[in-house]
Amino acid sequence: MRLAEIASIIRSKNASPFILTIDIFFDNKENYEKVKNSGVLTKRRIADLYKIPEDYVLGIYYVDLVMGIKISILKPVPSDEIDYSDVYGCQQHVPLLDLEIP
């Protein structure tokens, strides 16, 4: 099963010119717990998906109260640089959509 099939919202946005945050929300506790306990969301996996060093993955946070997951990563290129392709950070969640959840 792909993450996009069981999450109700997957979005990304800038948390600053240097940090991107990705939010994943679920409609039910069963799907949230399935992803949380799967071991799939690791710093190494995120780094591989985004082709960044593992230490650029600042954290993966589970918020049980809202059945949400927040991933914060250091951007390889700040959003105010001419080379940055997504000034708002709103298209950066796409690599997670096809992530397989066992």
PDB file of N, CA and C in Angstrom:
ATOM      1  N   MET A   1       0.844  -1.173   0.000  1.00  0.00           N
ATOM      2  CA  MET A   1       0.000   0.000   0.000  1.00  0.00           C
ATOM      3  C   MET A   1       0.894   1.242   0.000  1.00  0.00           C
ATOM      4  N   ARG A   2       0.511   2.222  -0.796  1.00  0.00           N
ATOM      5  CA  ARG A   2       1.272   3.472  -0.859  1.00  0.00           C
ATOM      6  C   ARG A   2       0.773   4.462   0.208  1.00  0.00           C
ATOM      7  N   LEU A   3       1.680   5.317   0.656  1.00  0.00           N
ATOM      8  CA  LEU A   3       1.318   6.313   1.662  1.00  0.00           C
ATOM      9  C   LEU A   3       0.148   7.172   1.174  1.00  0.00           C
ATOM     10  N   ALA A   4       0.151   7.539  -0.094  1.00  0.00           N
ATOM     11  CA  ALA A   4      -0.921   8.378  -0.643  1.00  0.00           C
ATOM     12  C   ALA A   4      -2.291   7.702  -0.568  1.00  0.00           C
ATOM     13  N   GLU A   5      -2.324   6.389  -0.460  1.00  0.00           N
ATOM     14  CA  GLU A   5      -3.586   5.665  -0.408  1.00  0.00           C
ATOM     15  C   GLU A   5      -4.195   5.620   0.992  1.00  0.00           C
ATOM     16  N   ILE A   6      -3.377   5.823   2.018  1.00  0.00           N
ATOM     17  CA  ILE A   6      -3.930   5.726   3.369  1.00  0.00           C
ATOM     18  C   ILE A   6      -3.884   7.032   4.162  1.00  0.00           C
ATOM     19  N   ALA A   7      -3.118   8.006   3.693  1.00  0.00           N
ATOM     20  CA  ALA A   7      -3.093   9.314   4.358  1.00  0.00           C
ATOM     21  C   ALA A   7      -4.178  10.194   3.749  1.00  0.00           C
ATOM     22  N   SER A   8      -4.809  11.011   4.571  1.00  0.00           N
ATOM     23  CA  SER A   8      -5.838  11.902   4.041  1.00  0.00           C
ATOM     24  C   SER A   8      -5.249  13.205   3.511  1.00  0.00           C
ATOM     25  N   ILE A   9      -4.141  13.633   4.097  1.00  0.00           N
ATOM     26  CA  ILE A   9      -3.466  14.856   3.645  1.00  0.00           C
ATOM     27  C   ILE A   9      -1.957  14.613   3.686  1.00  0.00           C
ATOM     28  N   ILE A  10      -1.302  14.959   2.602  1.00  0.00           N
ATOM     29  CA  ILE A  10       0.162  14.985   2.557  1.00  0.00           C
ATOM     30  C   ILE A  10       0.515  16.309   1.897  1.00  0.00           C
ATOM     31  N   ARG A  11       1.201  17.173   2.633  1.00  0.00           N
ATOM     32  CA  ARG A  11       1.509  18.500   2.098  1.00  0.00           C
ATOM     33  C   ARG A  11       2.876  18.952   2.580  1.00  0.00           C
ATOM     34  N   SER A  12       3.408  19.928   1.901  1.00  0.00           N
ATOM     35  CA  SER A  12       4.695  20.492   2.309  1.00  0.00           C
ATOM     36  C   SER A  12       4.615  22.009   2.238  1.00  0.00           C
ATOM     37  N   LYS A  13       5.484  22.638   3.021  1.00  0.00           N
ATOM     38  CA  LYS A  13       5.547  24.104   3.019  1.00  0.00           C
ATOM     39  C   LYS A  13       6.859  24.541   3.654  1.00  0.00           C
ATOM     40  N   ASN A  14       7.217  25.762   3.402  1.00  0.00           N
ATOM     41  CA  ASN A  14       8.406  26.315   4.025  1.00  0.00           C
ATOM     42  C   ASN A  14       8.151  26.589   5.500  1.00  0.00           C
ATOM     43  N   ALA A  15       9.117  26.230   6.324  1.00  0.00           N
ATOM     44  CA  ALA A  15       9.070  26.605   7.729  1.00  0.00           C
ATOM     45  C   ALA A  15       9.985  27.806   7.963  1.00  0.00           C
ATOM     46  N   SER A  16      10.848  28.072   6.998  1.00  0.00           N
ATOM     47  CA  SER A  16      11.740  29.235   6.971  1.00  0.00           C
ATOM     48  C   SER A  16      12.420  29.199   5.609  1.00  0.00           C
ATOM     49  N   PRO A  17      13.276  30.154   5.297  1.00  0.00           N
ATOM     50  CA  PRO A  17      13.998  30.058   4.024  1.00  0.00           C
ATOM     51  C   PRO A  17      14.921  28.844   3.958  1.00  0.00           C
ATOM     52  N   PHE A  18      15.207  28.240   5.110  1.00  0.00           N
ATOM     53  CA  PHE A  18      16.178  27.155   5.172  1.00  0.00           C
ATOM     54  C   PHE A  18      15.591  25.793   5.520  1.00  0.00           C
ATOM     55  N   ILE A  19      14.343  25.760   5.970  1.00  0.00           N
ATOM     56  CA  ILE A  19      13.738  24.507   6.442  1.00  0.00           C
ATOM     57  C   ILE A  19      12.413  24.260   5.716  1.00  0.00           C
ATOM     58  N   LEU A  20      12.247  23.021   5.292  1.00  0.00           N
ATOM     59  CA  LEU A  20      11.010  22.563   4.677  1.00  0.00           C
ATOM     60  C   LEU A  20      10.325  21.633   5.659  1.00  0.00           C
ATOM     61  N   THR A  21       9.015  21.748   5.772  1.00  0.00           N
ATOM     62  CA  THR A  21       8.269  20.845   6.640  1.00  0.00           C
ATOM     63  C   THR A  21       7.221  20.106   5.810  1.00  0.00           C
ATOM     64  N   ILE A  22       7.070  18.838   6.106  1.00  0.00           N
ATOM     65  CA  ILE A  22       6.100  17.993   5.423  1.00  0.00           C
ATOM     66  C   ILE A  22       5.125  17.481   6.477  1.00  0.00           C
ATOM     67  N   ASP A  23       3.839  17.636   6.203  1.00  0.00           N
ATOM     68  CA  ASP A  23       2.797  17.190   7.120  1.00  0.00           C
ATOM     69  C   ASP A  23       2.049  16.023   6.499  1.00  0.00           C
ATOM     70  N   ILE A  24       1.785  15.018   7.315  1.00  0.00           N
ATOM     71  CA  ILE A  24       1.005  13.857   6.888  1.00  0.00           C
ATOM     72  C   ILE A  24      -0.083  13.649   7.937  1.00  0.00           C
ATOM     73  N   PHE A  25      -1.338  13.651   7.499  1.00  0.00           N
ATOM     74  CA  PHE A  25      -2.469  13.458   8.413  1.00  0.00           C
ATOM     75  C   PHE A  25      -3.305  12.268   7.968  1.00  0.00           C
ATOM     76  N   PHE A  26      -3.979  11.669   8.927  1.00  0.00           N
ATOM     77  CA  PHE A  26      -4.781  10.481   8.684  1.00  0.00           C
ATOM     78  C   PHE A  26      -6.201  10.687   9.188  1.00  0.00           C
ATOM     79  N   ASP A  27      -7.161  10.015   8.536  1.00  0.00           N
ATOM     80  CA  ASP A  27      -8.563  10.093   8.929  1.00  0.00           C
ATOM     81  C   ASP A  27      -8.900   9.157  10.082  1.00  0.00           C
ATOM     82  N   ASN A  28      -8.058   8.135  10.267  1.00  0.00           N
ATOM     83  CA  ASN A  28      -8.374   7.183  11.334  1.00  0.00           C
ATOM     84  C   ASN A  28      -7.101   6.699  12.022  1.00  0.00           C
ATOM     85  N   LYS A  29      -7.288   6.291  13.246  1.00  0.00           N
ATOM     86  CA  LYS A  29      -6.159   5.883  14.087  1.00  0.00           C
ATOM     87  C   LYS A  29      -5.458   4.636  13.539  1.00  0.00           C
ATOM     88  N   GLU A  30      -6.223   3.745  12.949  1.00  0.00           N
ATOM     89  CA  GLU A  30      -5.641   2.505  12.415  1.00  0.00           C
ATOM     90  C   GLU A  30      -4.574   2.795  11.356  1.00  0.00           C
ATOM     91  N   ASN A  31      -4.880   3.671  10.409  1.00  0.00           N
ATOM     92  CA  ASN A  31      -3.903   4.012   9.370  1.00  0.00           C
ATOM     93  C   ASN A  31      -2.718   4.782   9.939  1.00  0.00           C
ATOM     94  N   TYR A  32      -2.999   5.708  10.852  1.00  0.00           N
ATOM     95  CA  TYR A  32      -1.923   6.458  11.501  1.00  0.00           C
ATOM     96  C   TYR A  32      -0.959   5.512  12.227  1.00  0.00           C
ATOM     97  N   GLU A  33      -1.504   4.620  13.027  1.00  0.00           N
ATOM     98  CA  GLU A  33      -0.672   3.682  13.784  1.00  0.00           C
ATOM     99  C   GLU A  33       0.088   2.731  12.854  1.00  0.00           C
ATOM    100  N   LYS A  34      -0.543   2.346  11.767  1.00  0.00           N
ATOM    101  CA  LYS A  34       0.114   1.458  10.797  1.00  0.00           C
ATOM    102  C   LYS A  34       1.387   2.100  10.251  1.00  0.00           C
ATOM    103  N   VAL A  35       1.291   3.376   9.861  1.00  0.00           N
ATOM    104  CA  VAL A  35       2.463   4.078   9.335  1.00  0.00           C
ATOM    105  C   VAL A  35       3.468   4.344  10.452  1.00  0.00           C
ATOM    106  N   LYS A  36       2.986   4.799  11.581  1.00  0.00           N
ATOM    107  CA  LYS A  36       3.863   5.108  12.718  1.00  0.00           C
ATOM    108  C   LYS A  36       4.683   3.890  13.138  1.00  0.00           C
ATOM    109  N   ASN A  37       4.055   2.735  13.194  1.00  0.00           N
ATOM    110  CA  ASN A  37       4.718   1.527  13.677  1.00  0.00           C
ATOM    111  C   ASN A  37       5.415   0.721  12.584  1.00  0.00           C
ATOM    112  N   SER A  38       5.310   1.166  11.349  1.00  0.00           N
ATOM    113  CA  SER A  38       5.890   0.411  10.231  1.00  0.00           C
ATOM    114  C   SER A  38       7.411   0.485  10.174  1.00  0.00           C
ATOM    115  N   GLY A  39       7.971   1.544  10.734  1.00  0.00           N
ATOM    116  CA  GLY A  39       9.418   1.722  10.654  1.00  0.00           C
ATOM    117  C   GLY A  39       9.886   2.234   9.302  1.00  0.00           C
ATOM    118  N   VAL A  40       8.955   2.597   8.449  1.00  0.00           N
ATOM    119  CA  VAL A  40       9.296   3.059   7.102  1.00  0.00           C
ATOM    120  C   VAL A  40       9.828   4.484   7.101  1.00  0.00           C
ATOM    121  N   LEU A  41       9.260   5.334   7.942  1.00  0.00           N
ATOM    122  CA  LEU A  41       9.696   6.731   7.972  1.00  0.00           C
ATOM    123  C   LEU A  41      10.910   6.885   8.879  1.00  0.00           C
ATOM    124  N   THR A  42      12.065   6.828   8.278  1.00  0.00           N
ATOM    125  CA  THR A  42      13.325   7.007   8.995  1.00  0.00           C
ATOM    126  C   THR A  42      14.091   8.160   8.366  1.00  0.00           C
ATOM    127  N   LYS A  43      15.044   8.668   9.099  1.00  0.00           N
ATOM    128  CA  LYS A  43      15.878   9.737   8.546  1.00  0.00           C
ATOM    129  C   LYS A  43      16.609   9.260   7.290  1.00  0.00           C
ATOM    130  N   ARG A  44      17.080   8.024   7.315  1.00  0.00           N
ATOM    131  CA  ARG A  44      17.786   7.478   6.153  1.00  0.00           C
ATOM    132  C   ARG A  44      16.871   7.404   4.934  1.00  0.00           C
ATOM    133  N   ARG A  45      15.633   6.924   5.127  1.00  0.00           N
ATOM    134  CA  ARG A  45      14.679   6.805   4.017  1.00  0.00           C
ATOM    135  C   ARG A  45      14.334   8.172   3.444  1.00  0.00           C
ATOM    136  N   ILE A  46      14.093   9.148   4.314  1.00  0.00           N
ATOM    137  CA  ILE A  46      13.770  10.502   3.855  1.00  0.00           C
ATOM    138  C   ILE A  46      14.953  11.087   3.094  1.00  0.00           C
ATOM    139  N   ALA A  47      16.144  10.913   3.628  1.00  0.00           N
ATOM    140  CA  ALA A  47      17.350  11.422   2.956  1.00  0.00           C
ATOM    141  C   ALA A  47      17.498  10.801   1.576  1.00  0.00           C
ATOM    142  N   ASP A  48      17.246   9.517   1.466  1.00  0.00           N
ATOM    143  CA  ASP A  48      17.342   8.850   0.165  1.00  0.00           C
ATOM    144  C   ASP A  48      16.297   9.383  -0.807  1.00  0.00           C
ATOM    145  N   LEU A  49      15.076   9.536  -0.345  1.00  0.00           N
ATOM    146  CA  LEU A  49      14.009  10.039  -1.215  1.00  0.00           C
ATOM    147  C   LEU A  49      14.292  11.446  -1.732  1.00  0.00           C
ATOM    148  N   TYR A  50      14.868  12.269  -0.872  1.00  0.00           N
ATOM    149  CA  TYR A  50      15.110  13.666  -1.234  1.00  0.00           C
ATOM    150  C   TYR A  50      16.539  13.933  -1.723  1.00  0.00           C
ATOM    151  N   LYS A  51      17.329  12.859  -1.765  1.00  0.00           N
ATOM    152  CA  LYS A  51      18.712  12.959  -2.261  1.00  0.00           C
ATOM    153  C   LYS A  51      19.490  14.047  -1.514  1.00  0.00           C
ATOM    154  N   ILE A  52      19.399  13.949  -0.181  1.00  0.00           N
ATOM    155  CA  ILE A  52      20.097  14.889   0.701  1.00  0.00           C
ATOM    156  C   ILE A  52      20.868  14.072   1.739  1.00  0.00           C
ATOM    157  N   PRO A  53      21.860  14.688   2.382  1.00  0.00           N
ATOM    158  CA  PRO A  53      22.552  13.982   3.469  1.00  0.00           C
ATOM    159  C   PRO A  53      21.588  13.687   4.622  1.00  0.00           C
ATOM    160  N   GLU A  54      21.803  12.583   5.290  1.00  0.00           N
ATOM    161  CA  GLU A  54      20.915  12.179   6.381  1.00  0.00           C
ATOM    162  C   GLU A  54      20.826  13.237   7.476  1.00  0.00           C
ATOM    163  N   ASP A  55      21.909  13.951   7.727  1.00  0.00           N
ATOM    164  CA  ASP A  55      21.851  14.964   8.789  1.00  0.00           C
ATOM    165  C   ASP A  55      21.045  16.201   8.382  1.00  0.00           C
ATOM    166  N   TYR A  56      20.592  16.280   7.138  1.00  0.00           N
ATOM    167  CA  TYR A  56      19.663  17.343   6.717  1.00  0.00           C
ATOM    168  C   TYR A  56      18.235  17.044   7.179  1.00  0.00           C
ATOM    169  N   VAL A  57      17.972  15.812   7.556  1.00  0.00           N
ATOM    170  CA  VAL A  57      16.652  15.463   8.080  1.00  0.00           C
ATOM    171  C   VAL A  57      16.673  15.833   9.564  1.00  0.00           C
ATOM    172  N   LEU A  58      16.030  16.935   9.887  1.00  0.00           N
ATOM    173  CA  LEU A  58      16.096  17.483  11.241  1.00  0.00           C
ATOM    174  C   LEU A  58      15.247  16.701  12.231  1.00  0.00           C
ATOM    175  N   GLY A  59      14.160  16.107  11.749  1.00  0.00           N
ATOM    176  CA  GLY A  59      13.328  15.340  12.667  1.00  0.00           C
ATOM    177  C   GLY A  59      12.097  14.772  12.001  1.00  0.00           C
ATOM    178  N   ILE A  60      11.611  13.692  12.582  1.00  0.00           N
ATOM    179  CA  ILE A  60      10.345  13.074  12.200  1.00  0.00           C
ATOM    180  C   ILE A  60       9.537  13.005  13.490  1.00  0.00           C
ATOM    181  N   TYR A  61       8.432  13.728  13.529  1.00  0.00           N
ATOM    182  CA  TYR A  61       7.673  13.904  14.756  1.00  0.00           C
ATOM    183  C   TYR A  61       6.277  13.307  14.602  1.00  0.00           C
ATOM    184  N   TYR A  62       5.868  12.504  15.556  1.00  0.00           N
ATOM    185  CA  TYR A  62       4.548  11.881  15.561  1.00  0.00           C
ATOM    186  C   TYR A  62       3.686  12.601  16.580  1.00  0.00           C
ATOM    187  N   VAL A  63       2.529  13.074  16.147  1.00  0.00           N
ATOM    188  CA  VAL A  63       1.623  13.817  17.014  1.00  0.00           C
ATOM    189  C   VAL A  63       0.328  13.013  17.125  1.00  0.00           C
ATOM    190  N   ASP A  64       0.273  12.177  18.146  1.00  0.00           N
ATOM    191  CA  ASP A  64      -0.839  11.243  18.314  1.00  0.00           C
ATOM    192  C   ASP A  64      -2.189  11.944  18.408  1.00  0.00           C
ATOM    193  N   LEU A  65      -2.233  13.069  19.087  1.00  0.00           N
ATOM    194  CA  LEU A  65      -3.493  13.768  19.328  1.00  0.00           C
ATOM    195  C   LEU A  65      -4.231  14.117  18.035  1.00  0.00           C
ATOM    196  N   VAL A  66      -3.470  14.457  16.982  1.00  0.00           N
ATOM    197  CA  VAL A  66      -4.101  14.836  15.707  1.00  0.00           C
ATOM    198  C   VAL A  66      -3.866  13.805  14.613  1.00  0.00           C
ATOM    199  N   MET A  67      -3.301  12.651  14.983  1.00  0.00           N
ATOM    200  CA  MET A  67      -2.980  11.588  14.030  1.00  0.00           C
ATOM    201  C   MET A  67      -2.187  12.162  12.856  1.00  0.00           C
ATOM    202  N   GLY A  68      -1.094  12.850  13.222  1.00  0.00           N
ATOM    203  CA  GLY A  68      -0.276  13.505  12.208  1.00  0.00           C
ATOM    204  C   GLY A  68       1.205  13.244  12.394  1.00  0.00           C
ATOM    205  N   ILE A  69       1.915  13.380  11.302  1.00  0.00           N
ATOM    206  CA  ILE A  69       3.369  13.213  11.286  1.00  0.00           C
ATOM    207  C   ILE A  69       3.954  14.458  10.638  1.00  0.00           C
ATOM    208  N   LYS A  70       4.984  15.004  11.259  1.00  0.00           N
ATOM    209  CA  LYS A  70       5.680  16.164  10.704  1.00  0.00           C
ATOM    210  C   LYS A  70       7.127  15.770  10.463  1.00  0.00           C
ATOM    211  N   ILE A  71       7.605  16.072   9.274  1.00  0.00           N
ATOM    212  CA  ILE A  71       8.995  15.818   8.903  1.00  0.00           C
ATOM    213  C   ILE A  71       9.618  17.166   8.579  1.00  0.00           C
ATOM    214  N   SER A  72      10.732  17.478   9.206  1.00  0.00           N
ATOM    215  CA  SER A  72      11.433  18.732   8.939  1.00  0.00           C
ATOM    216  C   SER A  72      12.791  18.428   8.335  1.00  0.00           C
ATOM    217  N   ILE A  73      13.069  19.087   7.212  1.00  0.00           N
ATOM    218  CA  ILE A  73      14.370  18.888   6.566  1.00  0.00           C
ATOM    219  C   ILE A  73      15.011  20.233   6.247  1.00  0.00           C
ATOM    220  N   LEU A  74      16.318  20.241   6.298  1.00  0.00           N
ATOM    221  CA  LEU A  74      17.094  21.406   5.902  1.00  0.00           C
ATOM    222  C   LEU A  74      17.155  21.417   4.383  1.00  0.00           C
ATOM    223  N   LYS A  75      16.800  22.518   3.792  1.00  0.00           N
ATOM    224  CA  LYS A  75      16.799  22.609   2.327  1.00  0.00           C
ATOM    225  C   LYS A  75      18.231  22.651   1.796  1.00  0.00           C
ATOM    226  N   PRO A  76      18.498  21.944   0.716  1.00  0.00           N
ATOM    227  CA  PRO A  76      19.834  22.021   0.116  1.00  0.00           C
ATOM    228  C   PRO A  76      20.110  23.397  -0.486  1.00  0.00           C
ATOM    229  N   VAL A  77      19.029  24.085  -0.894  1.00  0.00           N
ATOM    230  CA  VAL A  77      19.137  25.440  -1.455  1.00  0.00           C
ATOM    231  C   VAL A  77      18.094  26.307  -0.762  1.00  0.00           C
ATOM    232  N   PRO A  78      18.495  27.403  -0.118  1.00  0.00           N
ATOM    233  CA  PRO A  78      17.509  28.272   0.544  1.00  0.00           C
ATOM    234  C   PRO A  78      16.481  28.806  -0.456  1.00  0.00           C
ATOM    235  N   SER A  79      15.259  29.075   0.002  1.00  0.00           N
ATOM    236  CA  SER A  79      14.180  29.487  -0.890  1.00  0.00           C
ATOM    237  C   SER A  79      14.398  30.844  -1.535  1.00  0.00           C
ATOM    238  N   ASP A  80      15.336  31.635  -1.048  1.00  0.00           N
ATOM    239  CA  ASP A  80      15.576  32.926  -1.686  1.00  0.00           C
ATOM    240  C   ASP A  80      16.709  32.875  -2.718  1.00  0.00           C
ATOM    241  N   GLU A  81      17.241  31.696  -2.964  1.00  0.00           N
ATOM    242  CA  GLU A  81      18.303  31.542  -3.968  1.00  0.00           C
ATOM    243  C   GLU A  81      17.705  31.427  -5.365  1.00  0.00           C
ATOM    244  N   ILE A  82      18.401  31.902  -6.341  1.00  0.00           N
ATOM    245  CA  ILE A  82      17.938  31.864  -7.726  1.00  0.00           C
ATOM    246  C   ILE A  82      17.738  30.431  -8.225  1.00  0.00           C
ATOM    247  N   ASP A  83      18.488  29.477  -7.676  1.00  0.00           N
ATOM    248  CA  ASP A  83      18.402  28.081  -8.109  1.00  0.00           C
ATOM    249  C   ASP A  83      17.242  27.311  -7.489  1.00  0.00           C
ATOM    250  N   TYR A  84      16.540  27.896  -6.539  1.00  0.00           N
ATOM    251  CA  TYR A  84      15.462  27.173  -5.876  1.00  0.00           C
ATOM    252  C   TYR A  84      14.234  27.173  -6.771  1.00  0.00           C
ATOM    253  N   SER A  85      13.634  26.009  -6.962  1.00  0.00           N
ATOM    254  CA  SER A  85      12.551  25.876  -7.940  1.00  0.00           C
ATOM    255  C   SER A  85      11.146  25.964  -7.346  1.00  0.00           C
ATOM    256  N   ASP A  86      11.011  25.997  -6.040  1.00  0.00           N
ATOM    257  CA  ASP A  86       9.689  26.015  -5.416  1.00  0.00           C
ATOM    258  C   ASP A  86       9.727  26.968  -4.225  1.00  0.00           C
ATOM    259  N   VAL A  87       9.479  28.228  -4.484  1.00  0.00           N
ATOM    260  CA  VAL A  87       9.637  29.286  -3.480  1.00  0.00           C
ATOM    261  C   VAL A  87       8.784  29.038  -2.234  1.00  0.00           C
ATOM    262  N   TYR A  88       7.603  28.436  -2.394  1.00  0.00           N
ATOM    263  CA  TYR A  88       6.713  28.211  -1.264  1.00  0.00           C
ATOM    264  C   TYR A  88       6.900  26.849  -0.608  1.00  0.00           C
ATOM    265  N   GLY A  89       7.640  25.960  -1.249  1.00  0.00           N
ATOM    266  CA  GLY A  89       7.846  24.624  -0.700  1.00  0.00           C
ATOM    267  C   GLY A  89       6.632  23.722  -0.825  1.00  0.00           C
ATOM    268  N   CYS A  90       5.646  24.138  -1.617  1.00  0.00           N
ATOM    269  CA  CYS A  90       4.381  23.407  -1.648  1.00  0.00           C
ATOM    270  C   CYS A  90       4.366  22.199  -2.588  1.00  0.00           C
ATOM    271  N   GLN A  91       5.419  21.952  -3.321  1.00  0.00           N
ATOM    272  CA  GLN A  91       5.447  20.795  -4.228  1.00  0.00           C
ATOM    273  C   GLN A  91       6.440  19.730  -3.763  1.00  0.00           C
ATOM    274  N   GLN A  92       6.969  19.881  -2.586  1.00  0.00           N
ATOM    275  CA  GLN A  92       8.070  19.021  -2.152  1.00  0.00           C
ATOM    276  C   GLN A  92       7.633  17.731  -1.457  1.00  0.00           C
ATOM    277  N   HIS A  93       6.355  17.530  -1.273  1.00  0.00           N
ATOM    278  CA  HIS A  93       5.862  16.307  -0.626  1.00  0.00           C
ATOM    279  C   HIS A  93       5.765  15.129  -1.589  1.00  0.00           C
ATOM    280  N   VAL A  94       5.865  15.381  -2.871  1.00  0.00           N
ATOM    281  CA  VAL A  94       5.620  14.367  -3.901  1.00  0.00           C
ATOM    282  C   VAL A  94       6.457  13.088  -3.744  1.00  0.00           C
ATOM    283  N   PRO A  95       7.744  13.138  -3.390  1.00  0.00           N
ATOM    284  CA  PRO A  95       8.491  11.889  -3.247  1.00  0.00           C
ATOM    285  C   PRO A  95       7.908  10.915  -2.216  1.00  0.00           C
ATOM    286  N   LEU A  96       7.120  11.410  -1.291  1.00  0.00           N
ATOM    287  CA  LEU A  96       6.531  10.534  -0.264  1.00  0.00           C
ATOM    288  C   LEU A  96       5.266   9.824  -0.737  1.00  0.00           C
ATOM    289  N   LEU A  97       4.645  10.290  -1.782  1.00  0.00           N
ATOM    290  CA  LEU A  97       3.359   9.743  -2.209  1.00  0.00           C
ATOM    291  C   LEU A  97       3.421   8.257  -2.512  1.00  0.00           C
ATOM    292  N   ASP A  98       4.467   7.821  -3.159  1.00  0.00           N
ATOM    293  CA  ASP A  98       4.595   6.407  -3.561  1.00  0.00           C
ATOM    294  C   ASP A  98       5.316   5.542  -2.544  1.00  0.00           C
ATOM    295  N   LEU A  99       5.593   6.085  -1.380  1.00  0.00           N
ATOM    296  CA  LEU A  99       6.284   5.309  -0.353  1.00  0.00           C
ATOM    297  C   LEU A  99       5.440   4.106   0.056  1.00  0.00           C
ATOM    298  N   GLU A 100       6.017   2.926  -0.043  1.00  0.00           N
ATOM    299  CA  GLU A 100       5.301   1.683   0.268  1.00  0.00           C
ATOM    300  C   GLU A 100       5.229   1.479   1.780  1.00  0.00           C
ATOM    301  N   ILE A 101       4.030   1.230   2.256  1.00  0.00           N
ATOM    302  CA  ILE A 101       3.788   0.952   3.677  1.00  0.00           C
ATOM    303  C   ILE A 101       3.432  -0.538   3.780  1.00  0.00           C
ATOM    304  N   PRO A 102       4.222  -1.326   4.509  1.00  0.00           N
ATOM    305  CA  PRO A 102       3.921  -2.760   4.601  1.00  0.00           C
ATOM    306  C   PRO A 102       2.652  -3.045   5.416  1.00  0.00           C
TER     307      PRO A 102
END
